[in-house]
Protein backbone atom coordinates (compact mmCIF):
# COMPACT_ATOMS: atom_id res chain seq x y z
CA MET A 1 -10.70 -8.24 142.39
CA ASN A 2 -11.32 -4.56 143.16
CA GLN A 3 -8.85 -1.67 143.34
CA GLU A 4 -8.64 -1.82 147.13
CA LYS A 5 -7.52 -5.46 146.96
CA ILE A 6 -4.88 -4.88 144.28
CA THR A 7 -3.63 -1.88 146.29
CA ASP A 8 -3.14 -4.10 149.34
CA ILE A 9 -1.35 -6.71 147.22
CA LEU A 10 1.03 -4.18 145.71
CA LEU A 11 1.75 -2.54 149.08
CA ASN A 12 2.60 -5.97 150.42
CA LEU A 13 4.77 -6.92 147.45
CA SER A 14 6.68 -3.64 147.57
CA SER A 15 7.37 -4.04 151.29
CA VAL A 16 8.94 -7.49 151.08
CA SER A 17 12.62 -7.97 150.25
CA GLY A 18 13.74 -9.49 146.96
CA VAL A 19 17.13 -8.10 145.97
CA THR A 20 18.62 -9.83 142.93
CA GLY A 21 20.07 -13.17 144.02
CA SER A 22 18.12 -13.13 147.32
CA GLU A 23 14.51 -13.28 146.17
CA ASP A 24 13.22 -16.06 148.46
CA ALA A 25 11.07 -13.83 150.71
CA ALA A 26 9.42 -12.15 147.72
CA VAL A 27 8.81 -15.50 146.02
CA LYS A 28 7.17 -16.91 149.16
CA GLU A 29 4.89 -13.88 149.49
CA THR A 30 3.95 -13.98 145.82
CA ALA A 31 3.19 -17.70 145.95
CA ALA A 32 0.59 -17.05 148.65
CA PHE A 33 -1.28 -14.64 146.37
CA PHE A 34 -1.31 -17.03 143.41
CA LYS A 35 -2.36 -20.12 145.39
CA GLN A 36 -5.97 -18.96 145.70
CA PHE A 37 -6.38 -18.79 141.90
CA VAL A 38 -4.28 -21.60 140.37
CA ASP A 39 -4.01 -25.38 140.47
CA GLN A 40 -0.33 -25.77 141.31
CA VAL A 41 2.48 -23.60 142.69
CA LYS A 42 6.10 -24.71 142.69
CA LYS A 43 9.66 -23.50 142.14
CA ASP A 44 11.92 -24.75 139.38
CA ARG A 45 15.57 -25.70 139.92
CA PHE A 46 16.71 -22.12 139.39
CA GLY A 47 14.20 -20.80 141.94
CA ASN A 48 11.66 -19.20 139.60
CA LEU A 49 8.09 -19.32 140.88
CA LEU A 50 5.80 -21.29 138.55
CA ALA A 51 2.05 -21.03 139.20
CA LEU A 52 0.02 -23.25 136.85
CA LYS A 53 -3.63 -22.72 136.01
CA LYS A 54 -4.72 -25.71 133.95
CA SER A 55 -7.05 -25.55 130.97
CA ASN A 56 -10.69 -25.77 132.05
CA ALA A 57 -12.03 -26.53 128.55
CA ALA A 58 -12.38 -29.77 126.63
CA GLU A 59 -10.72 -28.39 123.50
CA LYS A 60 -7.17 -29.14 122.40
CA HIS A 61 -4.99 -26.93 124.54
CA MET A 62 -1.64 -25.15 124.39
CA THR A 63 0.71 -23.58 126.94
CA ILE A 64 0.99 -19.84 127.61
CA ALA A 65 3.73 -18.34 129.79
CA LEU A 66 2.91 -15.07 131.58
CA VAL A 67 6.15 -13.66 132.96
CA ALA A 68 7.18 -10.86 135.34
CA HIS A 69 10.51 -10.60 137.10
CA ILE A 70 10.39 -10.45 140.87
CA ASP A 71 13.90 -9.24 141.76
CA GLU A 72 14.61 -5.65 142.79
CA ILE A 73 17.63 -3.37 142.65
CA GLY A 74 20.00 -3.45 145.61
CA PHE A 75 23.59 -3.74 146.75
CA VAL A 76 26.08 -6.11 148.34
CA VAL A 77 28.55 -5.39 151.12
CA SER A 78 32.00 -5.09 149.51
CA LYS A 79 34.16 -4.11 152.50
CA ILE A 80 34.00 -3.46 156.25
CA GLU A 81 35.98 -0.30 157.02
CA GLU A 82 37.67 0.76 160.23
CA GLY A 83 35.01 2.00 162.61
CA GLY A 84 32.45 -0.49 161.31
CA PHE A 85 31.41 1.50 158.25
CA LEU A 86 30.39 -0.55 155.21
CA ARG A 87 31.40 -0.02 151.61
CA PHE A 88 28.98 -1.44 149.08
CA SER A 89 28.59 -2.26 145.40
CA PRO A 90 25.42 -2.08 143.26
CA LEU A 91 23.98 -5.32 141.94
CA ASN A 92 22.47 -3.51 139.00
CA ARG A 93 22.06 -0.03 137.49
CA ILE A 94 21.16 2.36 140.33
CA ASP A 95 20.91 6.16 140.28
CA ALA A 96 23.77 7.35 142.52
CA ARG A 97 22.21 10.83 142.75
CA VAL A 98 19.52 9.61 145.16
CA LEU A 99 21.67 7.50 147.48
CA PRO A 100 23.08 9.85 150.15
CA GLY A 101 20.76 9.92 153.15
CA GLN A 102 18.77 6.79 152.22
CA ALA A 103 17.74 4.30 154.87
CA VAL A 104 18.75 0.71 154.09
CA GLU A 105 18.62 -2.76 155.60
CA ILE A 106 21.50 -5.25 155.51
CA GLU A 107 20.38 -8.87 155.30
CA SER A 108 23.08 -10.55 157.38
CA LYS A 109 22.90 -12.85 160.40
CA GLU A 110 20.05 -10.58 161.41
CA VAL A 111 18.40 -7.67 159.59
CA LEU A 112 20.39 -4.53 160.43
CA LYS A 113 19.16 -1.01 159.83
CA GLY A 114 21.56 1.57 158.43
CA VAL A 115 21.83 4.82 156.52
CA ILE A 116 23.93 5.75 153.52
CA GLY A 117 26.27 8.52 154.61
CA SER A 118 28.74 10.78 152.85
CA THR A 119 30.95 13.76 153.66
CA PRO A 120 28.84 16.71 154.93
CA PRO A 121 28.45 19.46 152.32
CA HIS A 122 30.02 21.98 154.75
CA LEU A 123 33.32 20.10 154.47
CA LEU A 124 33.34 19.92 150.67
CA SER A 125 34.93 22.37 148.31
CA ASP A 126 32.75 24.40 145.95
CA GLU A 127 33.87 22.15 143.09
CA GLU A 128 33.10 18.95 145.02
CA ARG A 129 29.57 20.16 145.84
CA LYS A 130 28.80 20.37 142.12
CA LYS A 131 29.55 16.70 141.51
CA ILE A 132 27.52 13.55 142.10
CA VAL A 133 29.14 11.49 144.80
CA PRO A 134 30.14 8.15 143.22
CA ILE A 135 28.98 4.99 144.93
CA ASP A 136 32.53 3.96 145.85
CA LYS A 137 32.83 7.14 147.95
CA LEU A 138 29.65 6.44 149.92
CA PHE A 139 29.35 4.25 153.01
CA ILE A 140 26.70 2.70 155.23
CA ASP A 141 26.58 3.57 158.91
CA LEU A 142 24.90 0.97 161.15
CA GLY A 143 25.40 3.00 164.29
CA ILE A 144 26.97 0.06 166.16
CA PRO A 145 30.55 -0.71 167.26
CA GLU A 146 33.01 -2.14 164.74
CA GLU A 147 33.45 -5.39 166.68
CA LYS A 148 29.72 -6.11 166.53
CA VAL A 149 29.56 -5.17 162.85
CA ARG A 150 32.34 -7.64 162.04
CA ASN A 151 30.55 -10.33 164.04
CA LEU A 152 27.23 -9.84 162.25
CA VAL A 153 28.08 -8.69 158.72
CA SER A 154 29.95 -10.50 155.94
CA VAL A 155 31.21 -9.33 152.58
CA GLY A 156 28.53 -10.35 150.07
CA ASP A 157 25.53 -9.72 152.33
CA THR A 158 22.70 -8.11 150.38
CA ILE A 159 21.39 -4.62 151.04
CA LYS A 160 17.93 -3.27 150.22
CA PHE A 161 16.29 0.12 150.44
CA ALA A 162 14.21 0.46 153.61
CA GLN A 163 11.63 2.72 151.95
CA GLN A 164 8.05 1.74 152.80
CA PRO A 165 5.43 2.02 150.03
CA LEU A 166 2.76 4.71 150.14
CA ALA A 167 -0.69 4.91 148.57
CA MET A 168 -0.90 8.54 147.41
CA ASN A 169 -3.84 10.77 148.27
CA PHE A 170 -5.29 11.14 144.79
CA ASN A 171 -5.51 9.57 141.32
CA ASN A 172 -4.77 5.93 142.19
CA LYS A 173 -1.01 6.43 142.48
CA LEU A 174 1.30 4.31 144.63
CA THR A 175 4.99 4.89 145.33
CA GLY A 176 7.73 2.78 146.86
CA LYS A 177 10.78 0.62 146.22
CA SER A 178 10.76 -2.42 143.92
CA LEU A 179 7.70 -1.43 141.90
CA ASP A 180 10.05 -2.45 139.10
CA ASN A 181 8.80 -5.08 138.82
CA ARG A 182 6.34 -5.91 141.60
CA ALA A 183 3.86 -3.88 139.54
CA GLY A 184 4.21 -6.57 136.87
CA ILE A 185 3.73 -9.32 139.47
CA ALA A 186 0.57 -7.56 140.69
CA ALA A 187 -0.77 -7.41 137.13
CA LEU A 188 -0.30 -11.18 136.81
CA VAL A 189 -2.06 -11.81 140.14
CA TYR A 190 -4.93 -9.65 138.87
CA ALA A 191 -5.03 -11.63 135.62
CA ALA A 192 -5.09 -14.90 137.59
CA SER A 193 -8.05 -13.67 139.63
CA GLU A 194 -9.93 -12.71 136.47
CA LEU A 195 -9.21 -16.05 134.80
CA SER A 196 -10.61 -17.93 137.80
CA GLY A 197 -14.06 -16.97 136.50
CA LEU A 198 -13.38 -17.56 132.78
CA ILE A 199 -13.10 -20.53 130.42
CA HIS A 200 -9.65 -20.89 128.83
CA THR A 201 -8.28 -23.62 126.60
CA ALA A 202 -4.64 -22.95 127.48
CA ASP A 203 -2.55 -24.25 130.33
CA ILE A 204 -1.29 -20.98 131.78
CA TYR A 205 1.94 -20.59 133.71
CA PHE A 206 2.32 -17.44 135.80
CA ILE A 207 6.09 -17.04 136.22
CA ALA A 208 7.85 -14.83 138.76
CA SER A 209 11.35 -14.88 137.31
CA LEU A 210 14.61 -14.31 139.18
CA GLN A 211 17.69 -12.23 138.38
CA GLU A 212 16.28 -10.19 135.50
CA GLU A 213 18.26 -7.17 136.64
CA VAL A 214 21.57 -8.92 135.96
CA GLY A 215 20.81 -10.58 132.64
CA PHE A 216 17.37 -12.29 132.41
CA ARG A 217 18.78 -15.46 133.98
CA GLY A 218 15.54 -16.73 135.46
CA ALA A 219 13.70 -16.07 132.22
CA PHE A 220 16.21 -18.08 130.20
CA THR A 221 15.95 -21.09 132.50
CA ALA A 222 12.14 -20.92 132.76
CA ALA A 223 11.71 -20.58 129.01
CA TYR A 224 14.00 -23.52 128.35
CA GLY A 225 12.38 -25.71 131.00
CA LEU A 226 8.72 -25.03 130.16
CA LYS A 227 8.95 -24.60 126.38
CA PRO A 228 5.64 -22.70 126.14
CA ASP A 229 3.84 -22.13 122.84
CA LEU A 230 3.87 -18.36 123.40
CA ALA A 231 4.79 -15.87 126.10
CA ILE A 232 3.62 -12.51 127.35
CA VAL A 233 6.13 -10.64 129.48
CA VAL A 234 5.03 -7.86 131.86
CA ASP A 235 7.55 -5.27 132.99
CA VAL A 236 7.70 -1.51 133.50
CA THR A 237 8.58 1.35 131.18
CA PHE A 238 9.47 5.02 131.59
CA GLY A 239 6.64 7.14 132.99
CA ASP A 240 6.07 10.85 132.43
CA SER A 241 7.78 13.48 134.58
CA PRO A 242 9.11 17.02 133.98
CA GLY A 243 12.22 17.47 131.85
CA LEU A 244 12.04 14.26 129.84
CA LYS A 245 12.58 14.24 126.09
CA GLU A 246 9.38 13.97 124.06
CA GLY A 247 8.80 10.40 122.93
CA SER A 248 10.93 8.85 125.68
CA TYR A 249 8.11 8.36 128.19
CA PHE A 250 4.50 7.25 128.57
CA GLU A 251 1.72 8.85 130.56
CA LEU A 252 0.59 7.23 133.80
CA GLY A 253 -3.11 6.38 133.88
CA LYS A 254 -3.42 5.85 130.12
CA GLY A 255 -2.97 2.08 130.28
CA PRO A 256 0.01 -0.24 129.86
CA THR A 257 2.25 0.00 126.81
CA LEU A 258 2.36 -2.70 124.14
CA ALA A 259 5.81 -2.98 122.61
CA VAL A 260 6.45 -3.29 118.89
CA GLY A 261 9.81 -4.13 117.33
CA PRO A 262 12.08 -7.02 116.35
CA ASN A 263 12.14 -8.48 119.88
CA LEU A 264 8.36 -9.01 119.72
CA HIS A 265 6.21 -11.27 117.53
CA PRO A 266 4.08 -9.02 115.28
CA ILE A 267 1.06 -11.33 114.98
CA LEU A 268 0.92 -12.03 118.72
CA THR A 269 1.34 -8.33 119.46
CA GLY A 270 -1.42 -7.48 116.99
CA LYS A 271 -3.77 -9.99 118.60
CA ILE A 272 -3.18 -8.47 122.04
CA GLU A 273 -3.82 -4.98 120.65
CA GLU A 274 -7.03 -6.26 119.05
CA THR A 275 -8.06 -7.80 122.38
CA ALA A 276 -7.51 -4.52 124.23
CA ARG A 277 -9.51 -2.58 121.64
CA ALA A 278 -12.39 -5.11 121.62
CA ASN A 279 -12.68 -4.88 125.41
CA TYR A 280 -12.33 -1.08 125.55
CA LEU A 281 -9.15 -1.32 127.58
CA PRO A 282 -6.56 1.48 127.34
CA CYS A 283 -3.24 0.54 125.77
CA GLN A 284 -0.35 2.69 124.53
CA LYS A 285 2.03 1.68 121.72
CA GLU A 286 5.76 1.56 122.56
CA PRO A 287 8.28 1.21 119.72
CA ILE A 288 11.44 -0.70 120.70
CA PRO A 289 13.91 -0.87 117.78
CA GLY A 290 16.30 -3.42 119.33
CA SER A 291 16.36 -5.67 122.37
CA SER A 292 13.74 -4.69 124.93
CA SER A 293 16.20 -5.30 127.80
CA THR A 294 13.49 -7.34 129.50
CA ASP A 295 12.66 -11.02 129.97
CA ALA A 296 11.00 -10.81 126.54
CA TRP A 297 14.47 -11.06 125.00
CA ALA A 298 15.20 -14.32 126.83
CA PHE A 299 11.91 -15.94 125.84
CA GLN A 300 12.11 -14.88 122.20
CA VAL A 301 15.51 -16.51 121.62
CA SER A 302 15.12 -19.62 123.82
CA ARG A 303 15.18 -23.09 122.24
CA ALA A 304 13.99 -22.72 118.62
CA GLY A 305 12.32 -19.39 119.40
CA ILE A 306 9.13 -18.61 121.34
CA PRO A 307 6.58 -16.06 120.03
CA THR A 308 6.72 -13.30 122.62
CA ALA A 309 4.90 -10.06 123.44
CA LEU A 310 5.66 -7.36 125.99
CA LEU A 311 3.24 -5.28 128.07
CA SER A 312 4.73 -2.63 130.36
CA VAL A 313 3.34 -0.52 133.19
CA PRO A 314 4.45 3.14 133.00
CA LEU A 315 6.58 3.94 136.06
CA ARG A 316 8.15 7.18 137.27
CA TYR A 317 11.60 7.45 138.88
CA MET A 318 12.84 4.03 137.77
CA HIS A 319 15.59 2.41 139.87
CA THR A 320 15.06 4.71 142.84
CA PRO A 321 13.38 4.03 146.22
CA VAL A 322 10.34 6.13 145.23
CA GLU A 323 9.15 4.54 142.00
CA MET A 324 5.54 5.48 141.18
CA VAL A 325 2.76 3.71 139.27
CA ASP A 326 -0.94 4.18 138.60
CA LEU A 327 -3.04 1.27 139.84
CA GLU A 328 -5.44 1.66 136.92
CA ASP A 329 -2.60 0.77 134.53
CA ILE A 330 -1.93 -2.43 136.48
CA ILE A 331 -5.62 -3.37 136.43
CA ALA A 332 -5.90 -2.65 132.69
CA CYS A 333 -2.80 -4.77 132.07
CA GLY A 334 -4.28 -7.68 134.03
CA LYS A 335 -7.58 -7.42 132.18
CA ILE A 336 -5.90 -7.36 128.76
CA ILE A 337 -3.96 -10.51 129.64
CA SER A 338 -6.97 -12.39 131.03
CA SER A 339 -9.14 -11.38 128.06
CA PHE A 340 -6.48 -12.58 125.64
CA CYS A 341 -5.95 -15.90 127.43
CA SER A 342 -9.69 -16.63 127.52
CA ALA A 343 -10.18 -15.79 123.85
CA VAL A 344 -7.22 -17.54 122.21
CA ASN A 345 -7.11 -21.24 121.33
CA ALA A 346 -4.73 -23.74 119.76
CA ASP A 347 -5.73 -22.67 116.23
CA PHE A 348 -3.92 -19.41 116.89
CA LEU A 349 -0.61 -21.29 116.90
CA GLU A 350 -1.05 -21.98 113.20
CA VAL A 351 -1.68 -18.29 112.61
CA LEU A 352 1.59 -17.45 114.35
CA LYS A 353 3.48 -19.63 111.89
CA THR A 354 2.42 -17.41 108.99
CA CYS A 355 4.75 -14.64 110.14
């Protein structure tokens, strides 16, 4: 799979809707990409997408889970005001500073376009202009009469950003909504394409998990249901931009980060680092002293414990409609995963027990 193809995949994934709790459209689109490389695609009872690529070797095999969450940040309608204006509540942590003036879509009886409005700056006091407008003071304007709004919209309808993704002019960058974590999904699709031409002794599940943004719920259910021998989670981490504290970010274009810390299995992490180095693939080290706040936490503590590692794609402007990634980081991430999966065998499980 070349860069042009992975660009098209990521543009497509970023365009489709998948707000937490309403991920069906994103799951359907993702399933279509995996089907060309795996043996079986299905959903579990929770709704997670499970794409299985069976072992193609005669050796004793094991099960590897490759996991990326598919849900994106968004909102729900909380109230219909007089005049047909909508109040809304965030489903997850969203930067209120970027909301005024954003285009959105309400997923109701039909998809309705709207904009997030607020009081014009001309009508604010000097003191009010210095403050960030809190989300509960913002509203969505659909530009249609109140009667029609009340007929079409219900409290609880989901709301997504209407930002379309853009491939930037230079340096392999792409920007758009939901790259947290469609970038991770794209890395898994790339890994699946690579593995289609490789021998691997493991049964490999590619998992697009639901509801990560509100507590790793899909990851918990998938981990419990599949009980894999080990897991590699792919998510995003903080990319470089002006004004950030040294050590709190990672440079785009220098490869994915490999997390180290108590949430991650040290021997598994070391093996992935060794794999990256042996294949001359760029990889940055990311220390995480506590919980990673990713699906890696859910897999590590499920059942009797699952050895887990975490690879992350550096991403700028997290939880905004203009998140940015470098496609080379996604490709490197996919290659590290496919190289690891083709090199490891069931004997490695005994090595993991020595930790």
